[in-house]
């Protein structure tokens, strides 16, 4: 039986959270949503706050997870990170990461994590 899109996405988020915790990060928040944007995972470690976009794709997908985080998606994530930082002030250095999870028949076949996948832009003071 084929997994639903939300089940597949949850699988990728669970794996990413596990990876982050095993790598010494503290998960601060999951699925932080504002109108027009969402951050899948917010984690901190060693003075850094990582805003993590998790992209879980079937092995047959035409576009990789990293490719799926285009200019518009990055802008939405950056805006959500600004709002998070406004609501919950911190002194941490922001970083934008992408977790890419590939599945086949509901099972994980590849995992990669890209630190500092993109920056917040010149005008994005968090």
PDB file of N, CA and C in Angstrom:
ATOM      1  N   UNK A   1       0.830  -1.188   0.000  1.00  0.00           N
ATOM      2  CA  UNK A   1       0.000   0.000   0.000  1.00  0.00           C
ATOM      3  C   UNK A   1       0.868   1.243   0.000  1.00  0.00           C
ATOM      4  N   UNK A   2       0.520   2.181  -0.834  1.00  0.00           N
ATOM      5  CA  UNK A   2       1.286   3.402  -0.989  1.00  0.00           C
ATOM      6  C   UNK A   2       1.012   4.386   0.148  1.00  0.00           C
ATOM      7  N   UNK A   3       2.070   5.043   0.631  1.00  0.00           N
ATOM      8  CA  UNK A   3       1.923   6.027   1.693  1.00  0.00           C
ATOM      9  C   UNK A   3       1.328   7.312   1.130  1.00  0.00           C
ATOM     10  N   UNK A   4       0.589   8.027   1.985  1.00  0.00           N
ATOM     11  CA  UNK A   4       0.091   9.340   1.585  1.00  0.00           C
ATOM     12  C   UNK A   4       1.257  10.324   1.598  1.00  0.00           C
ATOM     13  N   UNK A   5       1.043  11.435   0.941  1.00  0.00           N
ATOM     14  CA  UNK A   5       2.084  12.467   0.885  1.00  0.00           C
ATOM     15  C   UNK A   5       2.447  12.961   2.280  1.00  0.00           C
ATOM     16  N   UNK A   6       1.437  13.141   3.138  1.00  0.00           N
ATOM     17  CA  UNK A   6       1.722  13.624   4.491  1.00  0.00           C
ATOM     18  C   UNK A   6       2.476  12.576   5.311  1.00  0.00           C
ATOM     19  N   UNK A   7       2.160  11.284   5.109  1.00  0.00           N
ATOM     20  CA  UNK A   7       2.896  10.226   5.806  1.00  0.00           C
ATOM     21  C   UNK A   7       4.349  10.186   5.350  1.00  0.00           C
ATOM     22  N   UNK A   8       4.564  10.361   4.057  1.00  0.00           N
ATOM     23  CA  UNK A   8       5.923  10.377   3.516  1.00  0.00           C
ATOM     24  C   UNK A   8       6.698  11.564   4.078  1.00  0.00           C
ATOM     25  N   UNK A   9       6.060  12.740   4.114  1.00  0.00           N
ATOM     26  CA  UNK A   9       6.707  13.927   4.658  1.00  0.00           C
ATOM     27  C   UNK A   9       7.041  13.770   6.126  1.00  0.00           C
ATOM     28  N   UNK A  10       6.134  13.175   6.879  1.00  0.00           N
ATOM     29  CA  UNK A  10       6.368  12.955   8.312  1.00  0.00           C
ATOM     30  C   UNK A  10       7.553  12.008   8.526  1.00  0.00           C
ATOM     31  N   UNK A  11       7.670  11.001   7.687  1.00  0.00           N
ATOM     32  CA  UNK A  11       8.799  10.075   7.765  1.00  0.00           C
ATOM     33  C   UNK A  11      10.121  10.842   7.617  1.00  0.00           C
ATOM     34  N   UNK A  12      10.181  11.731   6.638  1.00  0.00           N
ATOM     35  CA  UNK A  12      11.382  12.536   6.424  1.00  0.00           C
ATOM     36  C   UNK A  12      11.677  13.471   7.583  1.00  0.00           C
ATOM     37  N   UNK A  13      10.643  14.072   8.142  1.00  0.00           N
ATOM     38  CA  UNK A  13      10.842  14.965   9.288  1.00  0.00           C
ATOM     39  C   UNK A  13      11.322  14.205  10.513  1.00  0.00           C
ATOM     40  N   UNK A  14      10.768  13.016  10.729  1.00  0.00           N
ATOM     41  CA  UNK A  14      11.200  12.204  11.875  1.00  0.00           C
ATOM     42  C   UNK A  14      12.672  11.810  11.740  1.00  0.00           C
ATOM     43  N   UNK A  15      13.070  11.389  10.556  1.00  0.00           N
ATOM     44  CA  UNK A  15      14.465  11.018  10.330  1.00  0.00           C
ATOM     45  C   UNK A  15      15.385  12.222  10.537  1.00  0.00           C
ATOM     46  N   UNK A  16      14.976  13.366  10.022  1.00  0.00           N
ATOM     47  CA  UNK A  16      15.796  14.580  10.158  1.00  0.00           C
ATOM     48  C   UNK A  16      15.928  14.988  11.616  1.00  0.00           C
ATOM     49  N   UNK A  17      14.836  14.954  12.368  1.00  0.00           N
ATOM     50  CA  UNK A  17      14.891  15.293  13.793  1.00  0.00           C
ATOM     51  C   UNK A  17      15.826  14.332  14.530  1.00  0.00           C
ATOM     52  N   UNK A  18      15.724  13.052  14.211  1.00  0.00           N
ATOM     53  CA  UNK A  18      16.606  12.042  14.814  1.00  0.00           C
ATOM     54  C   UNK A  18      18.075  12.357  14.501  1.00  0.00           C
ATOM     55  N   UNK A  19      18.357  12.664  13.241  1.00  0.00           N
ATOM     56  CA  UNK A  19      19.715  13.008  12.811  1.00  0.00           C
ATOM     57  C   UNK A  19      20.237  14.219  13.593  1.00  0.00           C
ATOM     58  N   UNK A  20      19.398  15.255  13.704  1.00  0.00           N
ATOM     59  CA  UNK A  20      19.821  16.474  14.404  1.00  0.00           C
ATOM     60  C   UNK A  20      20.120  16.191  15.879  1.00  0.00           C
ATOM     61  N   UNK A  21      19.234  15.464  16.528  1.00  0.00           N
ATOM     62  CA  UNK A  21      19.446  15.144  17.945  1.00  0.00           C
ATOM     63  C   UNK A  21      20.726  14.328  18.117  1.00  0.00           C
ATOM     64  N   UNK A  22      20.929  13.331  17.271  1.00  0.00           N
ATOM     65  CA  UNK A  22      22.149  12.515  17.339  1.00  0.00           C
ATOM     66  C   UNK A  22      23.402  13.348  17.057  1.00  0.00           C
ATOM     67  N   UNK A  23      23.229  14.457  16.317  1.00  0.00           N
ATOM     68  CA  UNK A  23      24.360  15.342  15.995  1.00  0.00           C
ATOM     69  C   UNK A  23      24.550  16.432  17.048  1.00  0.00           C
ATOM     70  N   UNK A  24      23.806  16.362  18.149  1.00  0.00           N
ATOM     71  CA  UNK A  24      23.994  17.300  19.256  1.00  0.00           C
ATOM     72  C   UNK A  24      23.111  18.530  19.229  1.00  0.00           C
ATOM     73  N   UNK A  25      22.155  18.584  18.325  1.00  0.00           N
ATOM     74  CA  UNK A  25      21.239  19.727  18.269  1.00  0.00           C
ATOM     75  C   UNK A  25      20.103  19.530  19.260  1.00  0.00           C
ATOM     76  N   UNK A  26      19.556  20.642  19.699  1.00  0.00           N
ATOM     77  CA  UNK A  26      18.327  20.641  20.482  1.00  0.00           C
ATOM     78  C   UNK A  26      17.214  21.106  19.550  1.00  0.00           C
ATOM     79  N   UNK A  27      16.165  20.328  19.436  1.00  0.00           N
ATOM     80  CA  UNK A  27      15.022  20.723  18.622  1.00  0.00           C
ATOM     81  C   UNK A  27      14.228  21.750  19.427  1.00  0.00           C
ATOM     82  N   UNK A  28      14.091  22.944  18.885  1.00  0.00           N
ATOM     83  CA  UNK A  28      13.361  24.014  19.563  1.00  0.00           C
ATOM     84  C   UNK A  28      11.882  23.968  19.193  1.00  0.00           C
ATOM     85  N   UNK A  29      11.631  23.741  17.911  1.00  0.00           N
ATOM     86  CA  UNK A  29      10.250  23.808  17.412  1.00  0.00           C
ATOM     87  C   UNK A  29      10.129  22.992  16.140  1.00  0.00           C
ATOM     88  N   UNK A  30       8.955  22.436  15.942  1.00  0.00           N
ATOM     89  CA  UNK A  30       8.666  21.739  14.689  1.00  0.00           C
ATOM     90  C   UNK A  30       7.422  22.350  14.077  1.00  0.00           C
ATOM     91  N   UNK A  31       7.418  22.442  12.776  1.00  0.00           N
ATOM     92  CA  UNK A  31       6.272  22.947  12.022  1.00  0.00           C
ATOM     93  C   UNK A  31       5.790  24.314  12.508  1.00  0.00           C
ATOM     94  N   UNK A  32       6.728  25.261  12.563  1.00  0.00           N
ATOM     95  CA  UNK A  32       6.379  26.644  12.902  1.00  0.00           C
ATOM     96  C   UNK A  32       5.718  27.267  11.681  1.00  0.00           C
ATOM     97  N   UNK A  33       4.461  27.688  11.844  1.00  0.00           N
ATOM     98  CA  UNK A  33       3.697  28.209  10.712  1.00  0.00           C
ATOM     99  C   UNK A  33       3.275  29.650  10.940  1.00  0.00           C
ATOM    100  N   UNK A  34       3.371  30.415   9.874  1.00  0.00           N
ATOM    101  CA  UNK A  34       2.777  31.740   9.827  1.00  0.00           C
ATOM    102  C   UNK A  34       2.020  31.815   8.506  1.00  0.00           C
ATOM    103  N   UNK A  35       1.226  32.842   8.359  1.00  0.00           N
ATOM    104  CA  UNK A  35       0.526  33.003   7.087  1.00  0.00           C
ATOM    105  C   UNK A  35       1.569  33.155   5.980  1.00  0.00           C
ATOM    106  N   UNK A  36       1.536  32.243   5.034  1.00  0.00           N
ATOM    107  CA  UNK A  36       2.457  32.332   3.906  1.00  0.00           C
ATOM    108  C   UNK A  36       3.789  31.634   4.080  1.00  0.00           C
ATOM    109  N   UNK A  37       3.991  30.908   5.184  1.00  0.00           N
ATOM    110  CA  UNK A  37       5.276  30.238   5.323  1.00  0.00           C
ATOM    111  C   UNK A  37       5.309  29.258   6.474  1.00  0.00           C
ATOM    112  N   UNK A  38       6.234  28.334   6.385  1.00  0.00           N
ATOM    113  CA  UNK A  38       6.402  27.329   7.433  1.00  0.00           C
ATOM    114  C   UNK A  38       7.863  26.916   7.496  1.00  0.00           C
ATOM    115  N   UNK A  39       8.294  26.588   8.700  1.00  0.00           N
ATOM    116  CA  UNK A  39       9.623  26.017   8.898  1.00  0.00           C
ATOM    117  C   UNK A  39       9.412  24.639   9.495  1.00  0.00           C
ATOM    118  N   UNK A  40       9.970  23.626   8.859  1.00  0.00           N
ATOM    119  CA  UNK A  40       9.744  22.252   9.303  1.00  0.00           C
ATOM    120  C   UNK A  40      10.356  21.980  10.669  1.00  0.00           C
ATOM    121  N   UNK A  41      11.624  22.349  10.827  1.00  0.00           N
ATOM    122  CA  UNK A  41      12.323  22.107  12.094  1.00  0.00           C
ATOM    123  C   UNK A  41      13.201  23.314  12.415  1.00  0.00           C
ATOM    124  N   UNK A  42      13.158  23.727  13.666  1.00  0.00           N
ATOM    125  CA  UNK A  42      14.068  24.765  14.169  1.00  0.00           C
ATOM    126  C   UNK A  42      14.885  24.106  15.273  1.00  0.00           C
ATOM    127  N   UNK A  43      16.203  24.170  15.130  1.00  0.00           N
ATOM    128  CA  UNK A  43      17.088  23.510  16.091  1.00  0.00           C
ATOM    129  C   UNK A  43      18.259  24.433  16.425  1.00  0.00           C
ATOM    130  N   UNK A  44      18.883  24.188  17.572  1.00  0.00           N
ATOM    131  CA  UNK A  44      20.039  25.019  17.941  1.00  0.00           C
ATOM    132  C   UNK A  44      21.185  24.163  18.440  1.00  0.00           C
ATOM    133  N   UNK A  45      22.380  24.714  18.203  1.00  0.00           N
ATOM    134  CA  UNK A  45      23.608  24.056  18.656  1.00  0.00           C
ATOM    135  C   UNK A  45      24.753  25.059  18.521  1.00  0.00           C
ATOM    136  N   UNK A  46      25.579  25.142  19.536  1.00  0.00           N
ATOM    137  CA  UNK A  46      26.814  25.932  19.479  1.00  0.00           C
ATOM    138  C   UNK A  46      26.602  27.348  18.943  1.00  0.00           C
ATOM    139  N   UNK A  47      25.597  28.045  19.438  1.00  0.00           N
ATOM    140  CA  UNK A  47      25.384  29.438  19.044  1.00  0.00           C
ATOM    141  C   UNK A  47      24.706  29.620  17.697  1.00  0.00           C
ATOM    142  N   UNK A  48      24.238  28.539  17.085  1.00  0.00           N
ATOM    143  CA  UNK A  48      23.576  28.600  15.773  1.00  0.00           C
ATOM    144  C   UNK A  48      22.130  28.165  15.927  1.00  0.00           C
ATOM    145  N   UNK A  49      21.252  28.854  15.238  1.00  0.00           N
ATOM    146  CA  UNK A  49      19.869  28.414  15.124  1.00  0.00           C
ATOM    147  C   UNK A  49      19.665  27.994  13.674  1.00  0.00           C
ATOM    148  N   UNK A  50      19.314  26.742  13.501  1.00  0.00           N
ATOM    149  CA  UNK A  50      19.152  26.188  12.158  1.00  0.00           C
ATOM    150  C   UNK A  50      17.669  26.124  11.814  1.00  0.00           C
ATOM    151  N   UNK A  51      17.311  26.758  10.709  1.00  0.00           N
ATOM    152  CA  UNK A  51      15.965  26.701  10.168  1.00  0.00           C
ATOM    153  C   UNK A  51      16.020  25.657   9.052  1.00  0.00           C
ATOM    154  N   UNK A  52      15.385  24.525   9.288  1.00  0.00           N
ATOM    155  CA  UNK A  52      15.568  23.355   8.430  1.00  0.00           C
ATOM    156  C   UNK A  52      14.321  23.086   7.581  1.00  0.00           C
ATOM    157  N   UNK A  53      14.520  23.019   6.279  1.00  0.00           N
ATOM    158  CA  UNK A  53      13.477  22.610   5.350  1.00  0.00           C
ATOM    159  C   UNK A  53      13.727  21.148   5.024  1.00  0.00           C
ATOM    160  N   UNK A  54      12.725  20.317   5.254  1.00  0.00           N
ATOM    161  CA  UNK A  54      12.831  18.890   4.982  1.00  0.00           C
ATOM    162  C   UNK A  54      12.085  18.596   3.686  1.00  0.00           C
ATOM    163  N   UNK A  55      12.776  17.995   2.738  1.00  0.00           N
ATOM    164  CA  UNK A  55      12.159  17.611   1.470  1.00  0.00           C
ATOM    165  C   UNK A  55      12.266  16.100   1.325  1.00  0.00           C
ATOM    166  N   UNK A  56      11.110  15.463   1.357  1.00  0.00           N
ATOM    167  CA  UNK A  56      11.057  14.021   1.201  1.00  0.00           C
ATOM    168  C   UNK A  56      10.453  13.726  -0.163  1.00  0.00           C
ATOM    169  N   UNK A  57      11.181  12.979  -0.954  1.00  0.00           N
ATOM    170  CA  UNK A  57      10.774  12.701  -2.331  1.00  0.00           C
ATOM    171  C   UNK A  57      10.822  11.212  -2.613  1.00  0.00           C
ATOM    172  N   UNK A  58       9.916  10.774  -3.466  1.00  0.00           N
ATOM    173  CA  UNK A  58       9.961   9.410  -3.961  1.00  0.00           C
ATOM    174  C   UNK A  58      11.143   9.299  -4.920  1.00  0.00           C
ATOM    175  N   UNK A  59      11.715   8.143  -5.009  1.00  0.00           N
ATOM    176  CA  UNK A  59      12.881   7.921  -5.867  1.00  0.00           C
ATOM    177  C   UNK A  59      12.580   8.262  -7.333  1.00  0.00           C
ATOM    178  N   UNK A  60      11.324   8.206  -7.724  1.00  0.00           N
ATOM    179  CA  UNK A  60      10.949   8.506  -9.113  1.00  0.00           C
ATOM    180  C   UNK A  60      10.700   9.992  -9.383  1.00  0.00           C
ATOM    181  N   UNK A  61      10.845  10.831  -8.372  1.00  0.00           N
ATOM    182  CA  UNK A  61      10.599  12.268  -8.544  1.00  0.00           C
ATOM    183  C   UNK A  61      11.541  12.864  -9.583  1.00  0.00           C
ATOM    184  N   UNK A  62      11.013  13.798 -10.349  1.00  0.00           N
ATOM    185  CA  UNK A  62      11.813  14.449 -11.393  1.00  0.00           C
ATOM    186  C   UNK A  62      12.742  15.517 -10.837  1.00  0.00           C
ATOM    187  N   UNK A  63      12.429  16.015  -9.653  1.00  0.00           N
ATOM    188  CA  UNK A  63      13.177  17.125  -9.062  1.00  0.00           C
ATOM    189  C   UNK A  63      13.704  16.689  -7.697  1.00  0.00           C
ATOM    190  N   UNK A  64      14.953  17.011  -7.412  1.00  0.00           N
ATOM    191  CA  UNK A  64      15.516  16.666  -6.105  1.00  0.00           C
ATOM    192  C   UNK A  64      14.927  17.588  -5.039  1.00  0.00           C
ATOM    193  N   UNK A  65      15.109  17.206  -3.794  1.00  0.00           N
ATOM    194  CA  UNK A  65      14.643  18.038  -2.694  1.00  0.00           C
ATOM    195  C   UNK A  65      15.293  19.400  -2.686  1.00  0.00           C
ATOM    196  N   UNK A  66      16.581  19.440  -2.957  1.00  0.00           N
ATOM    197  CA  UNK A  66      17.299  20.723  -2.985  1.00  0.00           C
ATOM    198  C   UNK A  66      16.762  21.602  -4.119  1.00  0.00           C
ATOM    199  N   UNK A  67      16.520  21.012  -5.279  1.00  0.00           N
ATOM    200  CA  UNK A  67      15.977  21.769  -6.405  1.00  0.00           C
ATOM    201  C   UNK A  67      14.588  22.322  -6.091  1.00  0.00           C
ATOM    202  N   UNK A  68      13.843  21.609  -5.251  1.00  0.00           N
ATOM    203  CA  UNK A  68      12.485  22.026  -4.911  1.00  0.00           C
ATOM    204  C   UNK A  68      12.456  23.258  -4.008  1.00  0.00           C
ATOM    205  N   UNK A  69      13.598  23.591  -3.411  1.00  0.00           N
ATOM    206  CA  UNK A  69      13.659  24.773  -2.554  1.00  0.00           C
ATOM    207  C   UNK A  69      14.203  25.930  -3.394  1.00  0.00           C
ATOM    208  N   UNK A  70      13.341  26.442  -4.245  1.00  0.00           N
ATOM    209  CA  UNK A  70      13.701  27.536  -5.144  1.00  0.00           C
ATOM    210  C   UNK A  70      13.609  28.891  -4.467  1.00  0.00           C
ATOM    211  N   UNK A  71      13.759  29.925  -5.248  1.00  0.00           N
ATOM    212  CA  UNK A  71      13.778  31.293  -4.731  1.00  0.00           C
ATOM    213  C   UNK A  71      12.523  31.623  -3.921  1.00  0.00           C
ATOM    214  N   UNK A  72      11.365  31.282  -4.462  1.00  0.00           N
ATOM    215  CA  UNK A  72      10.112  31.601  -3.754  1.00  0.00           C
ATOM    216  C   UNK A  72      10.021  30.858  -2.426  1.00  0.00           C
ATOM    217  N   UNK A  73      10.331  29.572  -2.416  1.00  0.00           N
ATOM    218  CA  UNK A  73      10.272  28.786  -1.184  1.00  0.00           C
ATOM    219  C   UNK A  73      11.272  29.315  -0.166  1.00  0.00           C
ATOM    220  N   UNK A  74      12.480  29.645  -0.624  1.00  0.00           N
ATOM    221  CA  UNK A  74      13.481  30.216   0.288  1.00  0.00           C
ATOM    222  C   UNK A  74      12.974  31.515   0.907  1.00  0.00           C
ATOM    223  N   UNK A  75      12.341  32.352   0.100  1.00  0.00           N
ATOM    224  CA  UNK A  75      11.810  33.619   0.587  1.00  0.00           C
ATOM    225  C   UNK A  75      10.750  33.397   1.670  1.00  0.00           C
ATOM    226  N   UNK A  76       9.883  32.422   1.456  1.00  0.00           N
ATOM    227  CA  UNK A  76       8.853  32.115   2.452  1.00  0.00           C
ATOM    228  C   UNK A  76       9.475  31.614   3.759  1.00  0.00           C
ATOM    229  N   UNK A  77      10.498  30.788   3.649  1.00  0.00           N
ATOM    230  CA  UNK A  77      11.178  30.269   4.840  1.00  0.00           C
ATOM    231  C   UNK A  77      11.897  31.399   5.574  1.00  0.00           C
ATOM    232  N   UNK A  78      12.567  32.254   4.836  1.00  0.00           N
ATOM    233  CA  UNK A  78      13.275  33.388   5.448  1.00  0.00           C
ATOM    234  C   UNK A  78      12.289  34.292   6.181  1.00  0.00           C
ATOM    235  N   UNK A  79      11.144  34.573   5.562  1.00  0.00           N
ATOM    236  CA  UNK A  79      10.137  35.404   6.226  1.00  0.00           C
ATOM    237  C   UNK A  79       9.622  34.744   7.499  1.00  0.00           C
ATOM    238  N   UNK A  80       9.410  33.445   7.456  1.00  0.00           N
ATOM    239  CA  UNK A  80       8.968  32.725   8.650  1.00  0.00           C
ATOM    240  C   UNK A  80      10.057  32.763   9.734  1.00  0.00           C
ATOM    241  N   UNK A  81      11.324  32.652   9.324  1.00  0.00           N
ATOM    242  CA  UNK A  81      12.432  32.720  10.286  1.00  0.00           C
ATOM    243  C   UNK A  81      12.512  34.107  10.921  1.00  0.00           C
ATOM    244  N   UNK A  82      12.283  35.143  10.132  1.00  0.00           N
ATOM    245  CA  UNK A  82      12.254  36.510  10.685  1.00  0.00           C
ATOM    246  C   UNK A  82      11.146  36.649  11.715  1.00  0.00           C
ATOM    247  N   UNK A  83       9.973  36.115  11.380  1.00  0.00           N
ATOM    248  CA  UNK A  83       8.844  36.195  12.307  1.00  0.00           C
ATOM    249  C   UNK A  83       9.120  35.395  13.573  1.00  0.00           C
ATOM    250  N   UNK A  84       9.693  34.215  13.428  1.00  0.00           N
ATOM    251  CA  UNK A  84      10.047  33.418  14.602  1.00  0.00           C
ATOM    252  C   UNK A  84      11.011  34.197  15.492  1.00  0.00           C
ATOM    253  N   UNK A  85      12.017  34.792  14.880  1.00  0.00           N
ATOM    254  CA  UNK A  85      13.038  35.522  15.635  1.00  0.00           C
ATOM    255  C   UNK A  85      12.464  36.778  16.284  1.00  0.00           C
ATOM    256  N   UNK A  86      11.452  37.365  15.670  1.00  0.00           N
ATOM    257  CA  UNK A  86      10.768  38.521  16.254  1.00  0.00           C
ATOM    258  C   UNK A  86       9.947  38.085  17.475  1.00  0.00           C
ATOM    259  N   UNK A  87       9.206  36.995  17.323  1.00  0.00           N
ATOM    260  CA  UNK A  87       8.359  36.507  18.408  1.00  0.00           C
ATOM    261  C   UNK A  87       9.163  35.925  19.565  1.00  0.00           C
ATOM    262  N   UNK A  88      10.270  35.291  19.219  1.00  0.00           N
ATOM    263  CA  UNK A  88      11.104  34.614  20.213  1.00  0.00           C
ATOM    264  C   UNK A  88      12.547  35.102  20.062  1.00  0.00           C
ATOM    265  N   UNK A  89      12.827  36.312  20.566  1.00  0.00           N
ATOM    266  CA  UNK A  89      14.167  36.894  20.377  1.00  0.00           C
ATOM    267  C   UNK A  89      15.272  35.964  20.897  1.00  0.00           C
ATOM    268  N   UNK A  90      16.373  35.979  20.182  1.00  0.00           N
ATOM    269  CA  UNK A  90      17.516  35.146  20.539  1.00  0.00           C
ATOM    270  C   UNK A  90      18.782  35.828  20.041  1.00  0.00           C
ATOM    271  N   UNK A  91      19.891  35.331  20.511  1.00  0.00           N
ATOM    272  CA  UNK A  91      21.199  35.857  20.109  1.00  0.00           C
ATOM    273  C   UNK A  91      21.945  34.850  19.229  1.00  0.00           C
ATOM    274  N   UNK A  92      21.238  33.911  18.678  1.00  0.00           N
ATOM    275  CA  UNK A  92      21.862  32.846  17.895  1.00  0.00           C
ATOM    276  C   UNK A  92      22.073  33.274  16.441  1.00  0.00           C
ATOM    277  N   UNK A  93      23.105  32.743  15.829  1.00  0.00           N
ATOM    278  CA  UNK A  93      23.398  33.004  14.411  1.00  0.00           C
ATOM    279  C   UNK A  93      22.482  32.142  13.551  1.00  0.00           C
ATOM    280  N   UNK A  94      21.684  32.765  12.678  1.00  0.00           N
ATOM    281  CA  UNK A  94      20.778  31.963  11.851  1.00  0.00           C
ATOM    282  C   UNK A  94      21.501  31.237  10.718  1.00  0.00           C
ATOM    283  N   UNK A  95      20.973  30.072  10.401  1.00  0.00           N
ATOM    284  CA  UNK A  95      21.487  29.279   9.293  1.00  0.00           C
ATOM    285  C   UNK A  95      20.299  28.552   8.653  1.00  0.00           C
ATOM    286  N   UNK A  96      20.352  28.426   7.335  1.00  0.00           N
ATOM    287  CA  UNK A  96      19.269  27.782   6.597  1.00  0.00           C
ATOM    288  C   UNK A  96      19.784  26.484   5.986  1.00  0.00           C
ATOM    289  N   UNK A  97      19.204  25.372   6.449  1.00  0.00           N
ATOM    290  CA  UNK A  97      19.639  24.043   6.038  1.00  0.00           C
ATOM    291  C   UNK A  97      18.527  23.346   5.257  1.00  0.00           C
ATOM    292  N   UNK A  98      18.923  22.366   4.465  1.00  0.00           N
ATOM    293  CA  UNK A  98      17.957  21.528   3.759  1.00  0.00           C
ATOM    294  C   UNK A  98      18.291  20.065   4.047  1.00  0.00           C
ATOM    295  N   UNK A  99      17.263  19.328   4.425  1.00  0.00           N
ATOM    296  CA  UNK A  99      17.373  17.888   4.598  1.00  0.00           C
ATOM    297  C   UNK A  99      16.656  17.243   3.423  1.00  0.00           C
ATOM    298  N   UNK A 100      17.341  16.325   2.771  1.00  0.00           N
ATOM    299  CA  UNK A 100      16.787  15.670   1.588  1.00  0.00           C
ATOM    300  C   UNK A 100      16.666  14.171   1.882  1.00  0.00           C
ATOM    301  N   UNK A 101      15.421  13.684   1.824  1.00  0.00           N
ATOM    302  CA  UNK A 101      15.152  12.283   2.116  1.00  0.00           C
ATOM    303  C   UNK A 101      14.514  11.670   0.871  1.00  0.00           C
ATOM    304  N   UNK A 102      15.057  10.556   0.424  1.00  0.00           N
ATOM    305  CA  UNK A 102      14.511   9.854  -0.738  1.00  0.00           C
ATOM    306  C   UNK A 102      13.937   8.528  -0.269  1.00  0.00           C
ATOM    307  N   UNK A 103      12.715   8.248  -0.724  1.00  0.00           N
ATOM    308  CA  UNK A 103      12.051   7.010  -0.330  1.00  0.00           C
ATOM    309  C   UNK A 103      11.662   6.184  -1.559  1.00  0.00           C
ATOM    310  N   UNK A 104      11.544   4.893  -1.332  1.00  0.00           N
ATOM    311  CA  UNK A 104      11.058   3.975  -2.367  1.00  0.00           C
ATOM    312  C   UNK A 104      10.146   2.972  -1.666  1.00  0.00           C
ATOM    313  N   UNK A 105       8.928   2.881  -2.141  1.00  0.00           N
ATOM    314  CA  UNK A 105       7.944   1.979  -1.535  1.00  0.00           C
ATOM    315  C   UNK A 105       7.807   2.205  -0.026  1.00  0.00           C
ATOM    316  N   UNK A 106       7.839   3.497   0.378  1.00  0.00           N
ATOM    317  CA  UNK A 106       7.656   3.835   1.787  1.00  0.00           C
ATOM    318  C   UNK A 106       8.856   3.626   2.676  1.00  0.00           C
ATOM    319  N   UNK A 107       9.990   3.254   2.090  1.00  0.00           N
ATOM    320  CA  UNK A 107      11.204   3.024   2.870  1.00  0.00           C
ATOM    321  C   UNK A 107      12.282   4.017   2.450  1.00  0.00           C
ATOM    322  N   UNK A 108      13.038   4.479   3.423  1.00  0.00           N
ATOM    323  CA  UNK A 108      14.100   5.447   3.157  1.00  0.00           C
ATOM    324  C   UNK A 108      15.245   4.752   2.440  1.00  0.00           C
ATOM    325  N   UNK A 109      15.666   5.341   1.321  1.00  0.00           N
ATOM    326  CA  UNK A 109      16.798   4.776   0.575  1.00  0.00           C
ATOM    327  C   UNK A 109      17.986   5.733   0.535  1.00  0.00           C
ATOM    328  N   UNK A 110      17.748   7.009   0.844  1.00  0.00           N
ATOM    329  CA  UNK A 110      18.855   7.974   0.839  1.00  0.00           C
ATOM    330  C   UNK A 110      18.510   9.131   1.757  1.00  0.00           C
ATOM    331  N   UNK A 111      19.533   9.598   2.480  1.00  0.00           N
ATOM    332  CA  UNK A 111      19.387  10.761   3.354  1.00  0.00           C
ATOM    333  C   UNK A 111      20.605  11.651   3.172  1.00  0.00           C
ATOM    334  N   UNK A 112      20.376  12.921   2.973  1.00  0.00           N
ATOM    335  CA  UNK A 112      21.490  13.872   2.963  1.00  0.00           C
ATOM    336  C   UNK A 112      21.047  15.148   3.663  1.00  0.00           C
ATOM    337  N   UNK A 113      22.012  15.783   4.295  1.00  0.00           N
ATOM    338  CA  UNK A 113      21.737  16.997   5.065  1.00  0.00           C
ATOM    339  C   UNK A 113      22.731  18.059   4.627  1.00  0.00           C
ATOM    340  N   UNK A 114      22.216  19.187   4.198  1.00  0.00           N
ATOM    341  CA  UNK A 114      23.049  20.263   3.690  1.00  0.00           C
ATOM    342  C   UNK A 114      23.018  21.446   4.649  1.00  0.00           C
ATOM    343  N   UNK A 115      24.121  21.641   5.385  1.00  0.00           N
ATOM    344  CA  UNK A 115      24.264  22.813   6.257  1.00  0.00           C
ATOM    345  C   UNK A 115      24.412  24.060   5.400  1.00  0.00           C
ATOM    346  N   UNK A 116      23.825  25.147   5.854  1.00  0.00           N
ATOM    347  CA  UNK A 116      24.012  26.441   5.199  1.00  0.00           C
ATOM    348  C   UNK A 116      23.724  26.345   3.696  1.00  0.00           C
ATOM    349  N   UNK A 117      22.584  25.755   3.360  1.00  0.00           N
ATOM    350  CA  UNK A 117      22.204  25.517   1.962  1.00  0.00           C
ATOM    351  C   UNK A 117      22.016  26.813   1.183  1.00  0.00           C
ATOM    352  N   UNK A 118      21.591  27.850   1.863  1.00  0.00           N
ATOM    353  CA  UNK A 118      21.414  29.171   1.250  1.00  0.00           C
ATOM    354  C   UNK A 118      21.470  30.193   2.370  1.00  0.00           C
ATOM    355  N   UNK A 119      21.680  31.444   1.986  1.00  0.00           N
ATOM    356  CA  UNK A 119      21.733  32.466   3.029  1.00  0.00           C
ATOM    357  C   UNK A 119      20.437  33.265   3.041  1.00  0.00           C
ATOM    358  N   UNK A 120      20.309  34.084   4.067  1.00  0.00           N
ATOM    359  CA  UNK A 120      19.107  34.863   4.240  1.00  0.00           C
ATOM    360  C   UNK A 120      19.042  36.100   3.388  1.00  0.00           C
ATOM    361  N   UNK A 121      20.040  36.318   2.548  1.00  0.00           N
ATOM    362  CA  UNK A 121      20.040  37.500   1.687  1.00  0.00           C
ATOM    363  C   UNK A 121      20.629  38.698   2.408  1.00  0.00           C
ATOM    364  N   UNK A 122      20.987  39.678   1.641  1.00  0.00           N
ATOM    365  CA  UNK A 122      21.639  40.863   2.211  1.00  0.00           C
ATOM    366  C   UNK A 122      20.752  41.656   3.140  1.00  0.00           C
ATOM    367  N   UNK A 123      19.442  41.634   2.904  1.00  0.00           N
ATOM    368  CA  UNK A 123      18.532  42.447   3.695  1.00  0.00           C
ATOM    369  C   UNK A 123      17.797  41.635   4.765  1.00  0.00           C
ATOM    370  N   UNK A 124      18.307  40.469   5.086  1.00  0.00           N
ATOM    371  CA  UNK A 124      17.570  39.604   6.003  1.00  0.00           C
ATOM    372  C   UNK A 124      18.236  39.537   7.379  1.00  0.00           C
ATOM    373  N   UNK A 125      18.134  40.582   8.136  1.00  0.00           N
ATOM    374  CA  UNK A 125      18.661  40.577   9.480  1.00  0.00           C
ATOM    375  C   UNK A 125      17.664  39.887  10.379  1.00  0.00           C
ATOM    376  N   UNK A 126      18.114  38.828  11.019  1.00  0.00           N
ATOM    377  CA  UNK A 126      17.233  38.095  11.927  1.00  0.00           C
ATOM    378  C   UNK A 126      17.563  38.578  13.318  1.00  0.00           C
TER     379      UNK A 126
END
